[in-house]
Amino acid sequence: MKFLKNLILTLVVTTGIGFTSCVDNNDYTLPNVIGNEENNALNAVLDSINNGDLTLRTISQIKEDFFTSREAKLVTQNLVVKGYVTSSDASGNFFREFYMQDAPENATAGIKVVLNQTNSHNQFNIGREVYIRLKGLYIGETRSGDKDVTIGGFVEDGGTELEAISENQIKKFNHILRSNNSEEIIPLTVKFSTIGEQHLGMLVKVENAYFDESLAGNTYFDPTRDFDTDRLMKSCEGFDFGEFTLSTSSFANFGGALLPTGGGSIKAIVTKNYDRQLRLALNSVEDVDMNREKCTLLDINNFEAVFEEDFQTAVDNTNLDFTGWTNFAKEGSELWTEQVFSGNGYTEFSGYRTGEDSNIGWLVSPGIDMDSKDNEFLSFKAAQHHVDNSDDNTLEVYVSTDFDGTNVIAATWTKVNATLPTKNSSWYQFQDSGLIDLSSYTGTLYVAFKSVSSGNNTNLDGSYMIDDLKVLAEK
């Protein structure tokens, strides 16, 4: 987005060529139903998938298989990837590109598509289901080293950065096909502190957000600049603030709008800017709802721990058997273990050297009374080592109010969002989960950690570590 737009602007300034907006700012309608030719081409792809001539892969699989180094890779297999468009060039904030994610709701991965086409929102509107035939295209980056995985048409001469999919590749060779299906994209609710590279290309929503007080009276785009403008945002995350940056292009038709001075929510796409840093980018200012009072932080002095476990009584390298805890192997024989390093006790799970294809381990806390206090929050620390594929070698956190203390499988478990280590996290370095709001639960609550690993796949035999679990409640 940033490099291409900046290049175009530079050409305009230096050559004196007149430039009019590449966007029809008044056209926000959905594109027309696809024609017979495009429909026939899509049906041919779907038939080829059904009969095995083409293989449908997920966005995560494509990224895992082809983005293994900084070099762009040509796809030579008969592969297709499907996604749902999350970005729009209707406002001018995106240029000759769109992002798509793997599902309309509860998405797990996104990817960028660069194409030699303006006004692409007239064909690939937000929510549009899109199929991309990958054979003959490239997977890589438009800016070397930014890890914003992209589908492109070519590789620049003598370099490694991707160039756009050509108009002929789109229209004559049917590399990008839309279906008749357009879905509402439900943004993934996150916190500023939890946004990471795993969210690139996805539509996210942050609550309790506002623009930094120093920006009052400023517009989204700084008119003294030539290219993009960064604006600092903050949010209340329990006892501390989270921070993130919104980037707005000089071409955005809302660049002159004043930044709101209140608080509320923002929906935007997770992107990378020219200096390879994570940024949010808006489709429209309609996705900014900050007309309420700004949030305020919680006071830690008003809270106390109603449950905590620091694992300091751990016996090194033994299966965890703390009183009240449930240690359960759903697949394989491996259990969560007690570990001690440099005097610090913690618990760990790994399938390393088990010799079993699949290891799935659950560790469930004792029951926690949610009726005796109000405004409860969960926090813990987590770390990883030797994790190469955090999409499949996973750590997840769940809660349940109907666990009977024995039968893990029979209970109803609800996954909760937390800041968790990934393959990109430093080994053995514990990081805070952030505050996880539990105030809506009543009765007896159980907290569970589920990890998936393998003893026969060296790509899936990494370890996850948990320490310093607390449930805080208002005094």
Protein backbone atom coordinates (compact mmCIF):
# COMPACT_ATOMS: atom_id res chain seq x y z
CA MET A 1 0.00 0.00 0.00
CA LYS A 2 2.52 2.60 1.14
CA PHE A 3 5.35 2.02 -1.34
CA LEU A 4 3.16 1.95 -4.42
CA LYS A 5 1.19 5.03 -3.45
CA ASN A 6 4.37 6.97 -2.63
CA LEU A 7 5.89 5.97 -5.97
CA ILE A 8 2.83 7.18 -7.87
CA LEU A 9 2.85 10.51 -6.03
CA THR A 10 6.55 10.98 -6.77
CA LEU A 11 5.94 10.40 -10.49
CA VAL A 12 3.12 12.95 -10.47
CA VAL A 13 5.27 15.62 -8.82
CA THR A 14 8.38 15.06 -10.94
CA THR A 15 6.76 14.69 -14.36
CA GLY A 16 3.98 17.23 -14.01
CA ILE A 17 1.38 14.78 -15.24
CA GLY A 18 -2.11 15.74 -14.12
CA PHE A 19 -3.53 13.32 -11.57
CA THR A 20 -7.12 12.76 -10.61
CA SER A 21 -8.26 10.50 -7.83
CA CYS A 22 -8.21 6.81 -8.71
CA VAL A 23 -11.32 6.40 -6.59
CA ASP A 24 -14.95 7.11 -7.30
CA ASN A 25 -15.59 8.67 -3.91
CA ASN A 26 -19.35 8.62 -4.36
CA ASP A 27 -19.66 4.93 -5.25
CA TYR A 28 -19.97 2.73 -2.18
CA THR A 29 -22.51 0.35 -3.69
CA LEU A 30 -21.85 -3.36 -4.04
CA PRO A 31 -20.62 -4.46 -7.47
CA ASN A 32 -23.06 -6.02 -9.90
CA VAL A 33 -23.64 -9.74 -9.98
CA ILE A 34 -20.79 -11.44 -11.80
CA GLY A 35 -21.31 -12.12 -15.50
CA ASN A 36 -21.57 -15.45 -17.28
CA GLU A 37 -17.93 -15.53 -18.36
CA GLU A 38 -16.62 -14.93 -14.85
CA ASN A 39 -19.19 -17.28 -13.38
CA ASN A 40 -18.19 -20.04 -15.81
CA ALA A 41 -14.53 -19.56 -14.98
CA LEU A 42 -15.25 -19.86 -11.25
CA ASN A 43 -17.40 -22.94 -11.77
CA ALA A 44 -14.55 -24.53 -13.71
CA VAL A 45 -12.23 -23.88 -10.76
CA LEU A 46 -14.73 -25.32 -8.29
CA ASP A 47 -15.21 -28.39 -10.48
CA SER A 48 -11.43 -28.84 -10.66
CA ILE A 49 -11.23 -28.66 -6.88
CA ASN A 50 -13.97 -31.28 -6.54
CA ASN A 51 -12.34 -33.68 -9.00
CA GLY A 52 -8.86 -33.22 -7.55
CA ASP A 53 -7.21 -31.36 -10.44
CA LEU A 54 -6.85 -28.31 -8.18
CA THR A 55 -6.11 -28.35 -4.45
CA LEU A 56 -7.79 -25.81 -2.16
CA ARG A 57 -5.44 -24.60 0.57
CA THR A 58 -6.08 -22.23 3.47
CA ILE A 59 -4.34 -18.89 3.83
CA SER A 60 -2.41 -20.27 6.81
CA GLN A 61 -1.25 -23.28 4.79
CA ILE A 62 -0.11 -21.09 1.90
CA LYS A 63 1.85 -18.82 4.23
CA GLU A 64 3.39 -21.76 6.07
CA ASP A 65 4.38 -23.62 2.89
CA PHE A 66 5.68 -20.76 0.76
CA PHE A 67 6.86 -18.05 3.15
CA THR A 68 9.83 -19.90 4.62
CA SER A 69 12.50 -17.36 3.68
CA ARG A 70 12.77 -13.76 2.54
CA GLU A 71 12.86 -14.79 -1.14
CA ALA A 72 9.71 -14.70 -3.27
CA LYS A 73 8.59 -18.14 -4.38
CA LEU A 74 6.89 -19.07 -7.62
CA VAL A 75 3.90 -21.36 -7.15
CA THR A 76 4.23 -24.31 -9.54
CA GLN A 77 1.54 -26.54 -8.03
CA ASN A 78 -2.14 -26.50 -8.99
CA LEU A 79 -3.26 -24.71 -5.85
CA VAL A 80 -6.17 -22.42 -5.03
CA VAL A 81 -6.62 -20.22 -1.97
CA LYS A 82 -9.94 -18.77 -0.84
CA GLY A 83 -10.54 -15.68 1.26
CA TYR A 84 -12.94 -12.87 2.11
CA VAL A 85 -11.94 -9.31 1.25
CA THR A 86 -11.30 -7.07 4.26
CA SER A 87 -10.00 -3.84 2.71
CA SER A 88 -11.36 -1.38 0.18
CA ASP A 89 -9.78 1.24 -2.05
CA ALA A 90 -13.06 3.21 -2.15
CA SER A 91 -11.68 5.90 0.17
CA GLY A 92 -8.19 5.95 -1.38
CA ASN A 93 -6.45 4.67 1.74
CA PHE A 94 -5.47 1.45 -0.07
CA PHE A 95 -4.01 1.48 -3.58
CA ARG A 96 -3.71 -1.37 -6.08
CA GLU A 97 -4.03 -4.00 -3.39
CA PHE A 98 -6.57 -5.66 -1.18
CA TYR A 99 -6.34 -7.81 1.92
CA MET A 100 -8.40 -10.90 2.55
CA GLN A 101 -8.86 -13.20 5.55
CA ASP A 102 -9.77 -16.86 5.83
CA ALA A 103 -13.28 -16.49 7.26
CA PRO A 104 -15.93 -13.76 7.59
CA GLU A 105 -15.93 -14.25 11.38
CA ASN A 106 -13.38 -15.58 13.87
CA ALA A 107 -10.64 -15.32 11.25
CA THR A 108 -7.25 -16.84 11.97
CA ALA A 109 -5.10 -15.53 9.09
CA GLY A 110 -4.96 -12.83 6.43
CA ILE A 111 -2.92 -12.17 3.30
CA LYS A 112 -2.27 -9.25 0.94
CA VAL A 113 -2.95 -9.31 -2.81
CA VAL A 114 -1.24 -6.73 -5.07
CA LEU A 115 -2.85 -6.17 -8.44
CA ASN A 116 -2.55 -3.73 -11.32
CA GLN A 117 -6.09 -2.51 -10.91
CA THR A 118 -7.63 0.65 -9.50
CA ASN A 119 -11.18 0.90 -8.20
CA SER A 120 -10.88 -2.76 -7.24
CA HIS A 121 -13.69 -2.27 -4.70
CA ASN A 122 -16.08 -2.33 -7.65
CA GLN A 123 -15.15 -5.98 -8.16
CA PHE A 124 -13.65 -7.10 -4.86
CA ASN A 125 -15.84 -5.38 -2.30
CA ILE A 126 -15.46 -5.89 1.45
CA GLY A 127 -16.78 -9.34 2.34
CA ARG A 128 -16.56 -10.70 -1.20
CA GLU A 129 -15.58 -14.37 -1.39
CA VAL A 130 -12.53 -14.63 -3.65
CA TYR A 131 -10.69 -17.61 -5.15
CA ILE A 132 -7.11 -17.17 -6.39
CA ARG A 133 -5.48 -19.71 -8.71
CA LEU A 134 -1.89 -19.62 -7.51
CA LYS A 135 0.03 -21.54 -10.16
CA GLY A 136 2.19 -19.00 -11.98
CA LEU A 137 1.90 -16.39 -9.22
CA TYR A 138 4.40 -15.57 -6.47
CA ILE A 139 4.25 -15.58 -2.68
CA GLY A 140 6.54 -13.12 -0.92
CA GLU A 141 6.77 -9.50 0.19
CA THR A 142 6.39 -6.11 -1.47
CA ARG A 143 8.94 -4.72 1.00
CA SER A 144 11.74 -7.12 1.84
CA GLY A 145 11.72 -8.14 5.47
CA ASP A 146 8.31 -6.79 6.47
CA LYS A 147 6.71 -10.28 6.81
CA ASP A 148 3.48 -8.96 5.29
CA VAL A 149 2.92 -12.08 3.19
CA THR A 150 1.64 -11.16 -0.25
CA ILE A 151 0.39 -12.78 -3.46
CA GLY A 152 1.91 -11.06 -6.51
CA GLY A 153 2.29 -11.56 -10.24
CA PHE A 154 5.99 -11.03 -10.79
CA VAL A 155 9.31 -10.41 -9.04
CA GLU A 156 11.16 -7.18 -9.72
CA ASP A 157 14.22 -7.56 -11.97
CA GLY A 158 17.29 -8.45 -9.96
CA GLY A 159 15.42 -8.30 -6.67
CA THR A 160 13.16 -10.25 -4.38
CA GLU A 161 10.19 -7.91 -3.94
CA LEU A 162 6.87 -8.69 -5.57
CA GLU A 163 5.17 -6.72 -8.31
CA ALA A 164 1.44 -6.56 -8.96
CA ILE A 165 -0.64 -9.24 -10.62
CA SER A 166 -1.17 -7.89 -14.14
CA GLU A 167 -4.50 -7.06 -15.73
CA ASN A 168 -3.96 -9.89 -18.20
CA GLN A 169 -3.29 -12.35 -15.38
CA ILE A 170 -6.58 -11.31 -13.81
CA LYS A 171 -8.81 -11.12 -16.86
CA LYS A 172 -7.30 -13.45 -19.46
CA PHE A 173 -5.82 -16.10 -17.21
CA ASN A 174 -8.50 -15.96 -14.50
CA HIS A 175 -6.07 -15.94 -11.57
CA ILE A 176 -8.47 -13.96 -9.33
CA LEU A 177 -12.13 -14.92 -9.34
CA ARG A 178 -14.98 -13.68 -7.17
CA SER A 179 -18.07 -15.64 -6.32
CA ASN A 180 -21.60 -14.29 -5.94
CA ASN A 181 -21.18 -14.60 -2.20
CA SER A 182 -20.57 -11.48 -0.10
CA GLU A 183 -20.49 -11.87 3.67
CA GLU A 184 -20.51 -9.38 6.51
CA ILE A 185 -16.99 -9.23 7.93
CA ILE A 186 -17.20 -9.44 11.70
CA PRO A 187 -14.01 -7.88 13.07
CA LEU A 188 -11.87 -9.80 15.50
CA THR A 189 -11.98 -8.01 18.85
CA VAL A 190 -8.44 -7.47 20.13
CA LYS A 191 -6.46 -5.15 22.36
CA PHE A 192 -3.74 -2.84 21.13
CA SER A 193 -1.24 -4.79 23.23
CA THR A 194 -2.19 -8.11 21.60
CA ILE A 195 -2.01 -7.06 17.92
CA GLY A 196 0.79 -8.95 16.19
CA GLU A 197 1.95 -10.19 12.81
CA GLN A 198 -0.56 -13.03 13.08
CA HIS A 199 -3.27 -10.38 12.50
CA LEU A 200 -1.83 -8.93 9.27
CA GLY A 201 -4.57 -8.47 6.69
CA MET A 202 -7.39 -9.05 9.16
CA LEU A 203 -10.15 -6.65 10.16
CA VAL A 204 -9.88 -6.06 13.91
CA LYS A 205 -11.81 -4.00 16.44
CA VAL A 206 -10.45 -2.33 19.57
CA GLU A 207 -12.73 -1.09 22.34
CA ASN A 208 -12.00 1.61 24.93
CA ALA A 209 -9.82 3.41 22.41
CA TYR A 210 -9.08 7.09 21.81
CA PHE A 211 -6.56 9.31 20.05
CA ASP A 212 -3.77 10.72 22.18
CA GLU A 213 -4.76 13.97 23.89
CA SER A 214 -1.92 15.84 22.17
CA LEU A 215 -3.66 15.31 18.81
CA ALA A 216 -6.76 17.39 19.62
CA GLY A 217 -7.53 19.67 16.67
CA ASN A 218 -5.48 17.60 14.22
CA THR A 219 -6.74 15.77 11.13
CA TYR A 220 -6.17 12.15 10.12
CA PHE A 221 -3.61 13.26 7.53
CA ASP A 222 -1.00 15.91 8.27
CA PRO A 223 -1.24 18.38 5.35
CA THR A 224 2.42 19.35 5.75
CA ARG A 225 3.51 15.83 4.80
CA ASP A 226 3.84 14.29 1.37
CA PHE A 227 2.93 10.71 2.11
CA ASP A 228 1.52 8.80 5.09
CA THR A 229 0.66 10.23 8.52
CA ASP A 230 0.88 8.23 11.75
CA ARG A 231 -1.45 9.08 14.65
CA LEU A 232 -1.00 7.57 18.11
CA MET A 233 -3.98 5.85 19.71
CA LYS A 234 -4.41 4.59 23.26
CA SER A 235 -6.78 2.24 25.03
CA CYS A 236 -7.53 1.25 28.59
CA GLU A 237 -6.45 -2.32 29.25
CA GLY A 238 -7.31 -2.87 32.86
CA PHE A 239 -4.55 -1.41 35.01
CA ASP A 240 -2.47 0.00 32.14
CA PHE A 241 -2.72 1.66 28.74
CA GLY A 242 -2.23 -0.03 25.39
CA GLU A 243 -0.87 1.95 22.45
CA PHE A 244 -0.96 1.57 18.68
CA THR A 245 -0.57 3.71 15.58
CA LEU A 246 -3.09 4.51 12.85
CA SER A 247 -1.57 5.25 9.43
CA THR A 248 -3.44 7.35 6.85
CA SER A 249 -2.42 7.81 3.22
CA SER A 250 -2.15 11.20 1.54
CA PHE A 251 -4.70 9.84 -0.98
CA ALA A 252 -7.38 9.08 1.64
CA ASN A 253 -10.48 11.16 0.97
CA PHE A 254 -11.04 11.46 4.74
CA GLY A 255 -7.54 12.78 5.42
CA GLY A 256 -8.85 16.27 6.18
CA ALA A 257 -11.38 15.09 8.76
CA LEU A 258 -10.71 16.07 12.36
CA LEU A 259 -9.66 13.34 14.74
CA PRO A 260 -12.34 12.64 17.36
CA THR A 261 -11.60 13.82 20.89
CA GLY A 262 -13.80 11.29 22.67
CA GLY A 263 -13.45 7.59 23.30
CA GLY A 264 -14.98 4.44 21.89
CA SER A 265 -14.00 1.86 19.30
CA ILE A 266 -12.12 1.58 16.03
CA LYS A 267 -12.30 -1.05 13.26
CA ALA A 268 -9.31 -1.25 10.90
CA ILE A 269 -6.99 -3.52 8.93
CA VAL A 270 -3.67 -4.60 10.45
CA THR A 271 -0.92 -3.64 7.99
CA LYS A 272 2.78 -2.79 7.82
CA ASN A 273 4.06 0.68 6.91
CA TYR A 274 7.14 1.73 4.93
CA ASP A 275 9.47 1.16 7.91
CA ARG A 276 8.06 -2.36 8.35
CA GLN A 277 6.22 -1.57 11.58
CA LEU A 278 2.72 -2.77 12.42
CA ARG A 279 0.03 -0.18 11.80
CA LEU A 280 -3.75 0.03 11.52
CA ALA A 281 -5.33 1.38 8.34
CA LEU A 282 -8.95 2.48 7.95
CA ASN A 283 -11.36 1.60 5.18
CA SER A 284 -13.53 4.55 6.18
CA VAL A 285 -13.94 7.00 9.06
CA GLU A 286 -17.32 5.38 9.58
CA ASP A 287 -15.33 2.62 11.29
CA VAL A 288 -14.28 5.05 14.03
CA ASP A 289 -16.90 5.39 16.79
CA MET A 290 -15.43 7.67 19.43
CA ASN A 291 -18.27 9.87 20.59
CA ARG A 292 -18.30 8.72 24.21
CA GLU A 293 -16.31 9.62 27.29
CA LYS A 294 -12.75 8.37 27.31
CA CYS A 295 -12.08 5.27 29.36
CA THR A 296 -10.25 5.32 32.68
CA LEU A 297 -7.85 2.76 34.13
CA LEU A 298 -8.70 0.39 36.94
CA ASP A 299 -6.91 0.98 40.24
CA ILE A 300 -4.88 -2.06 41.27
CA ASN A 301 -5.32 -1.02 44.90
CA ASN A 302 -9.02 -1.78 44.58
CA PHE A 303 -8.38 -5.42 43.63
CA GLU A 304 -7.23 -8.57 45.38
CA ALA A 305 -6.33 -12.10 44.31
CA VAL A 306 -9.16 -14.58 44.86
CA PHE A 307 -7.11 -17.40 43.33
CA GLU A 308 -3.42 -17.67 42.47
CA GLU A 309 -0.83 -20.30 41.67
CA ASP A 310 2.86 -19.54 41.15
CA PHE A 311 3.99 -23.21 40.88
CA GLN A 312 6.84 -22.55 43.29
CA THR A 313 6.35 -25.96 44.96
CA ALA A 314 7.04 -27.72 41.65
CA VAL A 315 9.21 -30.84 41.70
CA ASP A 316 11.47 -30.63 38.68
CA ASN A 317 10.59 -32.79 35.68
CA THR A 318 7.61 -34.64 37.17
CA ASN A 319 4.01 -34.84 36.02
CA LEU A 320 2.00 -32.05 37.61
CA ASP A 321 -0.19 -33.29 40.45
CA PHE A 322 -1.06 -30.12 42.40
CA THR A 323 -4.09 -30.44 44.65
CA GLY A 324 -7.31 -29.59 42.84
CA TRP A 325 -5.70 -29.44 39.39
CA THR A 326 -6.71 -31.82 36.58
CA ASN A 327 -3.92 -33.03 34.29
CA PHE A 328 -5.42 -34.83 31.28
CA ALA A 329 -3.93 -36.30 28.10
CA LYS A 330 -6.59 -36.20 25.38
CA GLU A 331 -4.27 -37.69 22.75
CA GLY A 332 -1.00 -39.46 23.42
CA SER A 333 0.35 -40.11 26.89
CA GLU A 334 2.15 -36.84 27.62
CA LEU A 335 0.95 -34.75 30.60
CA TRP A 336 1.76 -31.24 31.76
CA THR A 337 4.91 -31.34 33.88
CA GLU A 338 6.37 -29.49 36.84
CA GLN A 339 9.60 -27.70 36.02
CA VAL A 340 12.14 -25.65 37.97
CA PHE A 341 14.81 -23.38 36.48
CA SER A 342 17.03 -21.02 38.48
CA GLY A 343 14.74 -21.42 41.46
CA ASN A 344 11.56 -20.56 39.56
CA GLY A 345 8.80 -23.15 39.36
CA TYR A 346 6.41 -23.36 36.41
CA THR A 347 4.44 -25.89 34.37
CA GLU A 348 5.25 -27.01 30.83
CA PHE A 349 3.84 -29.13 28.02
CA SER A 350 5.66 -30.66 25.04
CA GLY A 351 5.44 -33.77 22.87
CA TYR A 352 9.22 -33.78 22.35
CA ARG A 353 10.60 -37.33 22.35
CA THR A 354 7.26 -38.94 23.16
CA GLY A 355 7.40 -40.96 19.95
CA GLU A 356 3.68 -40.29 19.45
CA ASP A 357 2.17 -38.63 16.39
CA SER A 358 -0.16 -36.40 18.39
CA ASN A 359 -0.04 -35.09 21.94
CA ILE A 360 -2.90 -32.99 23.27
CA GLY A 361 -2.71 -32.05 26.93
CA TRP A 362 -5.22 -30.23 29.13
CA LEU A 363 -4.35 -28.62 32.46
CA VAL A 364 -7.40 -27.44 34.43
CA SER A 365 -7.34 -25.26 37.53
CA PRO A 366 -9.32 -25.89 40.70
CA GLY A 367 -12.81 -24.34 40.77
CA ILE A 368 -12.96 -20.59 41.42
CA ASP A 369 -15.99 -19.00 43.12
CA MET A 370 -17.30 -16.23 40.85
CA ASP A 371 -20.19 -15.17 43.11
CA SER A 372 -18.31 -13.91 46.13
CA LYS A 373 -16.71 -10.94 44.34
CA ASP A 374 -17.31 -8.66 41.36
CA ASN A 375 -15.28 -7.48 38.36
CA GLU A 376 -12.98 -10.50 38.08
CA PHE A 377 -9.96 -10.68 35.75
CA LEU A 378 -7.62 -13.53 34.83
CA SER A 379 -3.91 -13.03 34.27
CA PHE A 380 -0.92 -15.34 33.87
CA LYS A 381 2.50 -15.52 32.24
CA ALA A 382 3.41 -17.75 29.32
CA ALA A 383 6.54 -18.59 27.34
CA GLN A 384 7.70 -20.95 24.60
CA HIS A 385 10.83 -22.65 23.38
CA HIS A 386 11.55 -24.56 20.16
CA VAL A 387 8.14 -23.68 18.69
CA ASP A 388 8.50 -23.59 14.89
CA ASN A 389 4.81 -23.60 13.90
CA SER A 390 2.52 -21.86 16.35
CA ASP A 391 -0.48 -22.39 14.04
CA ASP A 392 -0.46 -26.15 14.68
CA ASN A 393 1.84 -26.52 17.71
CA THR A 394 -0.55 -24.46 19.80
CA LEU A 395 -1.38 -23.11 23.24
CA GLU A 396 -4.98 -22.09 23.99
CA VAL A 397 -6.87 -20.90 27.08
CA TYR A 398 -10.43 -21.93 27.95
CA VAL A 399 -12.91 -21.48 30.78
CA SER A 400 -15.88 -23.60 31.87
CA THR A 401 -18.67 -23.41 34.43
CA ASP A 402 -19.96 -26.97 33.99
CA PHE A 403 -16.74 -28.98 34.42
CA ASP A 404 -17.36 -31.70 37.00
CA GLY A 405 -13.74 -31.80 38.15
CA THR A 406 -13.03 -35.06 36.30
CA ASN A 407 -14.42 -35.37 32.76
CA VAL A 408 -12.66 -32.76 30.64
CA ILE A 409 -14.22 -33.94 27.38
CA ALA A 410 -17.80 -33.69 28.65
CA ALA A 411 -17.47 -30.08 29.82
CA THR A 412 -18.41 -27.00 27.79
CA TRP A 413 -15.28 -24.96 27.20
CA THR A 414 -15.19 -21.35 25.99
CA LYS A 415 -11.99 -20.07 24.43
CA VAL A 416 -10.75 -16.74 25.79
CA ASN A 417 -8.41 -14.28 24.11
CA ALA A 418 -5.02 -13.75 25.72
CA THR A 419 -1.58 -12.55 24.72
CA LEU A 420 0.23 -15.83 24.05
CA PRO A 421 3.73 -16.60 22.79
CA THR A 422 4.18 -17.50 19.12
CA LYS A 423 7.04 -18.93 17.11
CA ASN A 424 8.41 -15.37 16.86
CA SER A 425 8.61 -14.94 20.66
CA SER A 426 11.97 -15.20 22.39
CA TRP A 427 12.61 -18.62 23.89
CA TYR A 428 12.03 -19.01 27.64
CA GLN A 429 10.93 -15.37 28.01
CA PHE A 430 7.68 -15.16 30.00
CA GLN A 431 5.18 -12.56 28.80
CA ASP A 432 2.01 -11.26 30.42
CA SER A 433 -1.30 -12.55 29.13
CA GLY A 434 -2.98 -9.22 29.71
CA LEU A 435 -6.13 -8.92 31.79
CA ILE A 436 -8.89 -11.28 30.65
CA ASP A 437 -12.34 -10.13 31.74
CA LEU A 438 -14.23 -12.87 33.61
CA SER A 439 -16.89 -10.63 35.16
CA SER A 440 -19.74 -12.13 33.10
CA TYR A 441 -19.32 -15.60 34.63
CA THR A 442 -21.16 -16.87 37.70
CA GLY A 443 -20.98 -20.01 39.78
CA THR A 444 -17.78 -22.03 39.84
CA LEU A 445 -15.31 -21.28 37.06
CA TYR A 446 -12.44 -23.46 35.84
CA VAL A 447 -9.50 -22.19 33.79
CA ALA A 448 -7.86 -24.61 31.36
CA PHE A 449 -4.70 -24.58 29.25
CA LYS A 450 -4.73 -26.80 26.16
CA SER A 451 -1.59 -27.52 24.16
CA VAL A 452 -1.15 -29.50 20.93
CA SER A 453 2.20 -31.03 20.06
CA SER A 454 3.85 -34.03 18.40
CA GLY A 455 6.65 -36.40 19.25
CA ASN A 456 7.23 -37.55 15.66
CA ASN A 457 7.07 -34.24 13.79
CA THR A 458 10.05 -32.00 14.53
CA ASN A 459 8.06 -29.03 13.26
CA LEU A 460 5.47 -29.56 16.02
CA ASP A 461 7.50 -30.57 19.08
CA GLY A 462 7.94 -27.16 20.71
CA SER A 463 7.13 -26.46 24.37
CA TYR A 464 4.83 -24.02 26.17
CA MET A 465 5.31 -22.81 29.75
CA ILE A 466 2.78 -21.28 32.19
CA ASP A 467 3.47 -19.41 35.44
CA ASP A 468 1.97 -16.95 37.95
CA LEU A 469 -1.73 -17.52 37.33
CA LYS A 470 -4.05 -15.14 39.18
CA VAL A 471 -7.73 -14.32 39.29
CA LEU A 472 -8.18 -10.77 40.57
CA ALA A 473 -11.47 -9.35 41.85
CA GLU A 474 -12.64 -6.00 43.16
CA LYS A 475 -12.38 -5.78 46.94
